[in-house]
C-alpha atoms as a PDB file:
ATOM      1  CA  UNK A   1      -6.916  60.053 -42.121  1.00  0.00           C
ATOM      2  CA  UNK A   2      -9.177  61.726 -39.614  1.00  0.00           C
ATOM      3  CA  UNK A   3     -11.756  62.332 -42.337  1.00  0.00           C
ATOM      4  CA  UNK A   4     -11.630  58.631 -43.303  1.00  0.00           C
ATOM      5  CA  UNK A   5     -12.196  57.567 -39.715  1.00  0.00           C
ATOM      6  CA  UNK A   6     -15.030  60.040 -39.302  1.00  0.00           C
ATOM      7  CA  UNK A   7     -16.735  58.846 -42.478  1.00  0.00           C
ATOM      8  CA  UNK A   8     -16.279  55.119 -41.834  1.00  0.00           C
ATOM      9  CA  UNK A   9     -16.359  54.839 -38.044  1.00  0.00           C
ATOM     10  CA  UNK A  10     -19.291  52.419 -38.120  1.00  0.00           C
ATOM     11  CA  UNK A  11     -17.463  49.946 -40.347  1.00  0.00           C
ATOM     12  CA  UNK A  12     -14.227  50.353 -38.431  1.00  0.00           C
ATOM     13  CA  UNK A  13     -16.047  49.660 -35.161  1.00  0.00           C
ATOM     14  CA  UNK A  14     -17.643  46.565 -36.686  1.00  0.00           C
ATOM     15  CA  UNK A  15     -14.256  45.294 -37.894  1.00  0.00           C
ATOM     16  CA  UNK A  16     -12.658  45.888 -34.502  1.00  0.00           C
ATOM     17  CA  UNK A  17     -15.420  43.937 -32.770  1.00  0.00           C
ATOM     18  CA  UNK A  18     -15.862  41.221 -35.371  1.00  0.00           C
ATOM     19  CA  UNK A  19     -12.200  40.375 -35.928  1.00  0.00           C
ATOM     20  CA  UNK A  20     -11.466  38.874 -32.467  1.00  0.00           C
ATOM     21  CA  UNK A  21     -14.858  37.167 -32.473  1.00  0.00           C
ATOM     22  CA  UNK A  22     -14.242  35.539 -35.860  1.00  0.00           C
ATOM     23  CA  UNK A  23     -10.737  34.572 -34.778  1.00  0.00           C
ATOM     24  CA  UNK A  24     -12.018  32.950 -31.581  1.00  0.00           C
ATOM     25  CA  UNK A  25     -14.742  31.023 -33.424  1.00  0.00           C
ATOM     26  CA  UNK A  26     -12.249  29.958 -36.067  1.00  0.00           C
ATOM     27  CA  UNK A  27      -9.845  28.606 -33.463  1.00  0.00           C
ATOM     28  CA  UNK A  28     -12.686  26.787 -31.706  1.00  0.00           C
ATOM     29  CA  UNK A  29     -13.784  25.248 -34.998  1.00  0.00           C
ATOM     30  CA  UNK A  30     -10.238  24.156 -35.845  1.00  0.00           C
ATOM     31  CA  UNK A  31      -9.784  22.577 -32.430  1.00  0.00           C
ATOM     32  CA  UNK A  32     -13.135  20.805 -32.640  1.00  0.00           C
ATOM     33  CA  UNK A  33     -12.400  19.647 -36.202  1.00  0.00           C
ATOM     34  CA  UNK A  34      -9.084  18.112 -35.155  1.00  0.00           C
ATOM     35  CA  UNK A  35     -10.700  16.362 -32.194  1.00  0.00           C
ATOM     36  CA  UNK A  36     -13.652  15.142 -34.259  1.00  0.00           C
ATOM     37  CA  UNK A  37     -11.353  13.827 -36.984  1.00  0.00           C
ATOM     38  CA  UNK A  38      -9.141  12.053 -34.461  1.00  0.00           C
ATOM     39  CA  UNK A  39     -12.182  10.409 -32.859  1.00  0.00           C
ATOM     40  CA  UNK A  40     -13.648   9.423 -36.239  1.00  0.00           C
ATOM     41  CA  UNK A  41     -10.392   7.751 -37.294  1.00  0.00           C
ATOM     42  CA  UNK A  42     -10.627   5.580 -34.176  1.00  0.00           C
ATOM     43  CA  UNK A  43     -14.274   4.631 -34.685  1.00  0.00           C
ATOM     44  CA  UNK A  44     -16.074   7.237 -32.565  1.00  0.00           C
ATOM     45  CA  UNK A  45     -18.424   9.662 -34.296  1.00  0.00           C
ATOM     46  CA  UNK A  46     -19.002  13.055 -32.690  1.00  0.00           C
ATOM     47  CA  UNK A  47     -19.809  16.189 -34.641  1.00  0.00           C
ATOM     48  CA  UNK A  48     -17.781  19.398 -34.744  1.00  0.00           C
ATOM     49  CA  UNK A  49     -20.818  21.443 -33.716  1.00  0.00           C
ATOM     50  CA  UNK A  50     -21.444  19.241 -30.680  1.00  0.00           C
ATOM     51  CA  UNK A  51     -17.828  19.598 -29.604  1.00  0.00           C
ATOM     52  CA  UNK A  52     -17.966  23.387 -30.003  1.00  0.00           C
ATOM     53  CA  UNK A  53     -21.165  23.604 -27.952  1.00  0.00           C
ATOM     54  CA  UNK A  54     -19.667  21.377 -25.258  1.00  0.00           C
ATOM     55  CA  UNK A  55     -16.589  23.581 -25.156  1.00  0.00           C
ATOM     56  CA  UNK A  56     -18.788  26.647 -24.667  1.00  0.00           C
ATOM     57  CA  UNK A  57     -20.421  24.867 -21.736  1.00  0.00           C
ATOM     58  CA  UNK A  58     -16.939  24.394 -20.227  1.00  0.00           C
ATOM     59  CA  UNK A  59     -16.853  20.644 -20.784  1.00  0.00           C
ATOM     60  CA  UNK A  60     -13.409  19.073 -21.103  1.00  0.00           C
ATOM     61  CA  UNK A  61     -13.934  17.788 -24.652  1.00  0.00           C
ATOM     62  CA  UNK A  62     -10.519  16.111 -24.819  1.00  0.00           C
ATOM     63  CA  UNK A  63     -11.311  14.100 -21.689  1.00  0.00           C
ATOM     64  CA  UNK A  64     -14.777  13.316 -23.030  1.00  0.00           C
ATOM     65  CA  UNK A  65     -13.498  12.027 -26.368  1.00  0.00           C
ATOM     66  CA  UNK A  66     -10.767  10.004 -24.650  1.00  0.00           C
ATOM     67  CA  UNK A  67     -13.359   8.279 -22.458  1.00  0.00           C
ATOM     68  CA  UNK A  68     -15.552   7.597 -25.492  1.00  0.00           C
ATOM     69  CA  UNK A  69     -12.543   5.935 -27.118  1.00  0.00           C
ATOM     70  CA  UNK A  70     -11.849   3.855 -23.997  1.00  0.00           C
ATOM     71  CA  UNK A  71     -15.473   2.700 -23.969  1.00  0.00           C
ATOM     72  CA  UNK A  72     -15.346   1.917 -27.695  1.00  0.00           C
ATOM     73  CA  UNK A  73     -12.162  -0.126 -27.341  1.00  0.00           C
ATOM     74  CA  UNK A  74     -13.750  -2.188 -24.553  1.00  0.00           C
ATOM     75  CA  UNK A  75     -17.114  -2.533 -26.330  1.00  0.00           C
ATOM     76  CA  UNK A  76     -18.955  -0.620 -23.617  1.00  0.00           C
ATOM     77  CA  UNK A  77     -22.083   1.272 -24.682  1.00  0.00           C
ATOM     78  CA  UNK A  78     -21.930   4.939 -23.633  1.00  0.00           C
ATOM     79  CA  UNK A  79     -23.193   8.168 -25.163  1.00  0.00           C
ATOM     80  CA  UNK A  80     -21.465  11.534 -25.388  1.00  0.00           C
ATOM     81  CA  UNK A  81     -24.630  13.287 -24.174  1.00  0.00           C
ATOM     82  CA  UNK A  82     -24.854  11.314 -20.914  1.00  0.00           C
ATOM     83  CA  UNK A  83     -21.132  11.673 -20.212  1.00  0.00           C
ATOM     84  CA  UNK A  84     -21.291  15.412 -20.912  1.00  0.00           C
ATOM     85  CA  UNK A  85     -24.284  15.848 -18.601  1.00  0.00           C
ATOM     86  CA  UNK A  86     -22.509  13.873 -15.881  1.00  0.00           C
ATOM     87  CA  UNK A  87     -19.394  16.012 -16.288  1.00  0.00           C
ATOM     88  CA  UNK A  88     -21.458  19.192 -15.966  1.00  0.00           C
ATOM     89  CA  UNK A  89     -23.110  17.809 -12.826  1.00  0.00           C
ATOM     90  CA  UNK A  90     -19.693  17.485 -11.210  1.00  0.00           C
ATOM     91  CA  UNK A  91     -19.213  13.775 -11.819  1.00  0.00           C
ATOM     92  CA  UNK A  92     -16.042  11.932 -12.720  1.00  0.00           C
ATOM     93  CA  UNK A  93     -16.534  10.461 -16.188  1.00  0.00           C
ATOM     94  CA  UNK A  94     -13.166   8.719 -16.073  1.00  0.00           C
ATOM     95  CA  UNK A  95     -14.231   6.703 -13.010  1.00  0.00           C
ATOM     96  CA  UNK A  96     -17.649   5.986 -14.522  1.00  0.00           C
ATOM     97  CA  UNK A  97     -16.188   4.570 -17.736  1.00  0.00           C
ATOM     98  CA  UNK A  98     -13.601   2.559 -15.807  1.00  0.00           C
ATOM     99  CA  UNK A  99     -16.398   1.105 -13.659  1.00  0.00           C
ATOM    100  CA  UNK A 100     -18.376   0.119 -16.754  1.00  0.00           C
ATOM    101  CA  UNK A 101     -15.321  -1.571 -18.272  1.00  0.00           C
ATOM    102  CA  UNK A 102     -14.672  -3.441 -15.026  1.00  0.00           C
ATOM    103  CA  UNK A 103     -18.337  -4.423 -14.718  1.00  0.00           C
ATOM    104  CA  UNK A 104     -18.281  -5.868 -18.239  1.00  0.00           C
ATOM    105  CA  UNK A 105     -15.137  -7.822 -17.445  1.00  0.00           C
ATOM    106  CA  UNK A 106     -16.708  -9.442 -14.373  1.00  0.00           C
ATOM    107  CA  UNK A 107     -20.198  -9.797 -15.906  1.00  0.00           C
ATOM    108  CA  UNK A 108     -21.845  -7.365 -13.474  1.00  0.00           C
ATOM    109  CA  UNK A 109     -24.951  -5.719 -15.022  1.00  0.00           C
ATOM    110  CA  UNK A 110     -24.039  -2.056 -14.454  1.00  0.00           C
ATOM    111  CA  UNK A 111     -25.608   0.596 -16.690  1.00  0.00           C
ATOM    112  CA  UNK A 112     -24.153   3.991 -17.585  1.00  0.00           C
ATOM    113  CA  UNK A 113     -27.007   5.817 -15.845  1.00  0.00           C
ATOM    114  CA  UNK A 114     -26.583   3.723 -12.696  1.00  0.00           C
ATOM    115  CA  UNK A 115     -22.828   4.262 -12.579  1.00  0.00           C
ATOM    116  CA  UNK A 116     -23.365   8.020 -12.940  1.00  0.00           C
ATOM    117  CA  UNK A 117     -25.961   8.039 -10.156  1.00  0.00           C
ATOM    118  CA  UNK A 118     -23.651   6.159  -7.777  1.00  0.00           C
ATOM    119  CA  UNK A 119     -20.807   8.545  -8.592  1.00  0.00           C
ATOM    120  CA  UNK A 120     -22.924  11.642  -7.965  1.00  0.00           C
ATOM    121  CA  UNK A 121     -23.874  10.559  -4.433  1.00  0.00           C
ATOM    122  CA  UNK A 122     -20.212  10.353  -3.478  1.00  0.00           C
ATOM    123  CA  UNK A 123     -19.652   6.630  -3.903  1.00  0.00           C
ATOM    124  CA  UNK A 124     -17.010   5.144  -6.178  1.00  0.00           C
ATOM    125  CA  UNK A 125     -18.708   2.699  -8.592  1.00  0.00           C
ATOM    126  CA  UNK A 126     -15.330   1.190  -9.452  1.00  0.00           C
ATOM    127  CA  UNK A 127     -14.673   0.491  -5.771  1.00  0.00           C
ATOM    128  CA  UNK A 128     -18.100  -1.113  -5.427  1.00  0.00           C
ATOM    129  CA  UNK A 129     -17.260  -3.506  -8.228  1.00  0.00           C
ATOM    130  CA  UNK A 130     -13.897  -4.266  -6.650  1.00  0.00           C
ATOM    131  CA  UNK A 131     -15.581  -5.006  -3.314  1.00  0.00           C
ATOM    132  CA  UNK A 132     -18.149  -7.231  -4.988  1.00  0.00           C
ATOM    133  CA  UNK A 133     -15.529  -9.226  -6.875  1.00  0.00           C
ATOM    134  CA  UNK A 134     -13.314  -9.540  -3.806  1.00  0.00           C
ATOM    135  CA  UNK A 135     -16.095 -10.805  -1.553  1.00  0.00           C
ATOM    136  CA  UNK A 136     -17.492 -13.141  -4.207  1.00  0.00           C
ATOM    137  CA  UNK A 137     -14.084 -14.770  -4.634  1.00  0.00           C
ATOM    138  CA  UNK A 138     -13.765 -15.704  -0.955  1.00  0.00           C
ATOM    139  CA  UNK A 139     -14.077 -19.407  -0.141  1.00  0.00           C
ATOM    140  CA  UNK A 140     -15.595 -20.509   3.167  1.00  0.00           C
ATOM    141  CA  UNK A 141     -15.139 -23.917   4.787  1.00  0.00           C
ATOM    142  CA  UNK A 142     -17.930 -26.432   4.020  1.00  0.00           C
ATOM    143  CA  UNK A 143     -21.038 -26.036   6.161  1.00  0.00           C
ATOM    144  CA  UNK A 144     -23.213 -28.831   4.792  1.00  0.00           C
ATOM    145  CA  UNK A 145     -20.925 -31.794   5.311  1.00  0.00           C
ATOM    146  CA  UNK A 146     -19.710 -31.826   1.716  1.00  0.00           C
ATOM    147  CA  UNK A 147     -16.116 -32.225   0.637  1.00  0.00           C
ATOM    148  CA  UNK A 148     -16.024 -29.101  -1.487  1.00  0.00           C
ATOM    149  CA  UNK A 149     -15.902 -25.664   0.186  1.00  0.00           C
ATOM    150  CA  UNK A 150     -18.912 -23.386  -0.143  1.00  0.00           C
ATOM    151  CA  UNK A 151     -18.595 -20.046  -1.878  1.00  0.00           C
ATOM    152  CA  UNK A 152     -19.407 -17.117   0.373  1.00  0.00           C
ATOM    153  CA  UNK A 153     -22.611 -15.157  -0.240  1.00  0.00           C
ATOM    154  CA  UNK A 154     -22.105 -12.150  -2.481  1.00  0.00           C
ATOM    155  CA  UNK A 155     -21.608  -8.978  -0.458  1.00  0.00           C
ATOM    156  CA  UNK A 156     -23.924  -5.937  -0.468  1.00  0.00           C
ATOM    157  CA  UNK A 157     -21.866  -4.217  -3.179  1.00  0.00           C
ATOM    158  CA  UNK A 158     -23.032  -6.742  -5.761  1.00  0.00           C
ATOM    159  CA  UNK A 159     -26.635  -6.547  -4.558  1.00  0.00           C
ATOM    160  CA  UNK A 160     -26.499  -2.764  -4.834  1.00  0.00           C
ATOM    161  CA  UNK A 161     -25.072  -2.880  -8.333  1.00  0.00           C
ATOM    162  CA  UNK A 162     -27.594  -5.466  -9.524  1.00  0.00           C
ATOM    163  CA  UNK A 163     -30.714  -4.181  -7.734  1.00  0.00           C
ATOM    164  CA  UNK A 164     -33.250  -2.832 -10.200  1.00  0.00           C
ATOM    165  CA  UNK A 165     -36.980  -2.047 -10.132  1.00  0.00           C
ATOM    166  CA  UNK A 166     -38.838  -5.343  -9.993  1.00  0.00           C
ATOM    167  CA  UNK A 167     -36.147  -7.316  -8.155  1.00  0.00           C
ATOM    168  CA  UNK A 168     -37.744  -9.504  -5.469  1.00  0.00           C
ATOM    169  CA  UNK A 169     -36.427 -10.200  -1.975  1.00  0.00           C
ATOM    170  CA  UNK A 170     -37.475 -11.148   1.553  1.00  0.00           C
ATOM    171  CA  UNK A 171     -37.195  -9.067   4.719  1.00  0.00           C
ATOM    172  CA  UNK A 172     -34.894 -10.692   7.263  1.00  0.00           C
ATOM    173  CA  UNK A 173     -34.943  -7.963   9.943  1.00  0.00           C
ATOM    174  CA  UNK A 174     -37.962  -5.692  10.626  1.00  0.00           C
ATOM    175  CA  UNK A 175     -37.195  -2.084   9.678  1.00  0.00           C
ATOM    176  CA  UNK A 176     -36.256   0.724  11.988  1.00  0.00           C
ATOM    177  CA  UNK A 177     -34.705   3.332   9.711  1.00  0.00           C
ATOM    178  CA  UNK A 178     -33.831   0.687   7.152  1.00  0.00           C
ATOM    179  CA  UNK A 179     -34.563  -3.019   6.795  1.00  0.00           C
ATOM    180  CA  UNK A 180     -32.276  -5.837   5.766  1.00  0.00           C
ATOM    181  CA  UNK A 181     -33.587  -7.756   2.770  1.00  0.00           C
ATOM    182  CA  UNK A 182     -32.334 -11.013   1.328  1.00  0.00           C
ATOM    183  CA  UNK A 183     -32.022 -10.991  -2.471  1.00  0.00           C
ATOM    184  CA  UNK A 184     -30.835 -13.840  -4.687  1.00  0.00           C
ATOM    185  CA  UNK A 185     -27.362 -12.263  -4.769  1.00  0.00           C
ATOM    186  CA  UNK A 186     -27.094 -11.597  -1.016  1.00  0.00           C
ATOM    187  CA  UNK A 187     -28.416  -9.214   1.644  1.00  0.00           C
ATOM    188  CA  UNK A 188     -28.684  -5.428   1.600  1.00  0.00           C
ATOM    189  CA  UNK A 189     -30.058  -2.690   3.864  1.00  0.00           C
ATOM    190  CA  UNK A 190     -32.899  -0.897   2.067  1.00  0.00           C
ATOM    191  CA  UNK A 191     -35.621   1.684   2.660  1.00  0.00           C
ATOM    192  CA  UNK A 192     -39.113   0.191   2.970  1.00  0.00           C
ATOM    193  CA  UNK A 193     -42.225   2.069   1.869  1.00  0.00           C
ATOM    194  CA  UNK A 194     -45.262   0.449   3.468  1.00  0.00           C
ATOM    195  CA  UNK A 195     -48.407   1.524   5.315  1.00  0.00           C
ATOM    196  CA  UNK A 196     -47.717  -1.102   7.963  1.00  0.00           C
ATOM    197  CA  UNK A 197     -44.482  -2.291   9.536  1.00  0.00           C
ATOM    198  CA  UNK A 198     -43.455  -5.458   7.674  1.00  0.00           C
ATOM    199  CA  UNK A 199     -42.272  -8.547   9.485  1.00  0.00           C
ATOM    200  CA  UNK A 200     -39.362 -10.855   8.899  1.00  0.00           C
ATOM    201  CA  UNK A 201     -40.169 -13.189   6.031  1.00  0.00           C
ATOM    202  CA  UNK A 202     -42.448 -10.747   4.197  1.00  0.00           C
ATOM    203  CA  UNK A 203     -41.763 -10.596   0.445  1.00  0.00           C
ATOM    204  CA  UNK A 204     -40.821  -7.239  -1.035  1.00  0.00           C
ATOM    205  CA  UNK A 205     -39.907  -5.906  -4.446  1.00  0.00           C
ATOM    206  CA  UNK A 206     -37.521  -3.118  -5.470  1.00  0.00           C
ATOM    207  CA  UNK A 207     -39.395  -0.088  -6.802  1.00  0.00           C
ATOM    208  CA  UNK A 208     -36.757   2.654  -6.940  1.00  0.00           C
ATOM    209  CA  UNK A 209     -32.973   2.715  -7.095  1.00  0.00           C
ATOM    210  CA  UNK A 210     -31.558   6.199  -6.470  1.00  0.00           C
ATOM    211  CA  UNK A 211     -27.781   6.176  -6.448  1.00  0.00           C
ATOM    212  CA  UNK A 212     -26.920   3.873  -3.543  1.00  0.00           C
ATOM    213  CA  UNK A 213     -30.401   4.037  -1.996  1.00  0.00           C
ATOM    214  CA  UNK A 214     -32.660   1.053  -2.775  1.00  0.00           C
ATOM    215  CA  UNK A 215     -36.362   1.448  -1.983  1.00  0.00           C
ATOM    216  CA  UNK A 216     -38.695  -1.550  -1.722  1.00  0.00           C
ATOM    217  CA  UNK A 217     -42.409  -2.060  -1.232  1.00  0.00           C
ATOM    218  CA  UNK A 218     -44.383  -5.119  -0.132  1.00  0.00           C
ATOM    219  CA  UNK A 219     -44.771  -7.608  -2.974  1.00  0.00           C
ATOM    220  CA  UNK A 220     -48.157  -9.055  -3.848  1.00  0.00           C
ATOM    221  CA  UNK A 221     -48.173 -12.820  -3.469  1.00  0.00           C
END
């Protein structure tokens, strides 16, 4: 026996090292195959290799696939790559998908990238949608002498969710740290980039939206 070990120690060492490695890879493949098959049967296509790589990156693949299925069932357009990247960045993909589903229900134009950005700066995109819907549903007494009540202006949550590069507005209060700007959906405090201090009534246009920070510049008229 000792002679056999001495003559074949290289192969024995290889077997001892390779066996647990092959077993681990095999178990990973089996787990990924089961998850991929389950997703495929419900209309979501994600490859076994992608699932294995995500698992190696410590992504919760079961949670990821579940959220892809939720999005699919509600006809919300999301990608596994963006959700995986958001998960790795410390974001909550369950909240992001729920926000997208809620936004679709209430016809609020929220994108996957925007929802992820809002989530990463510590804001709850689902709560923003809830605030927007709640404020938009409030009815104020008539102010113009009409018989029908006037609907209240949409609150800043809706403006924040709908603000995008190119959106036009008008400054209502001159900026100090931030300026209040009136958009078609309502008013919002924004950051103004300008060589001169703008005045109330000056037109501006959104140039950057970074999470919950909206940056505007003077608009050419």
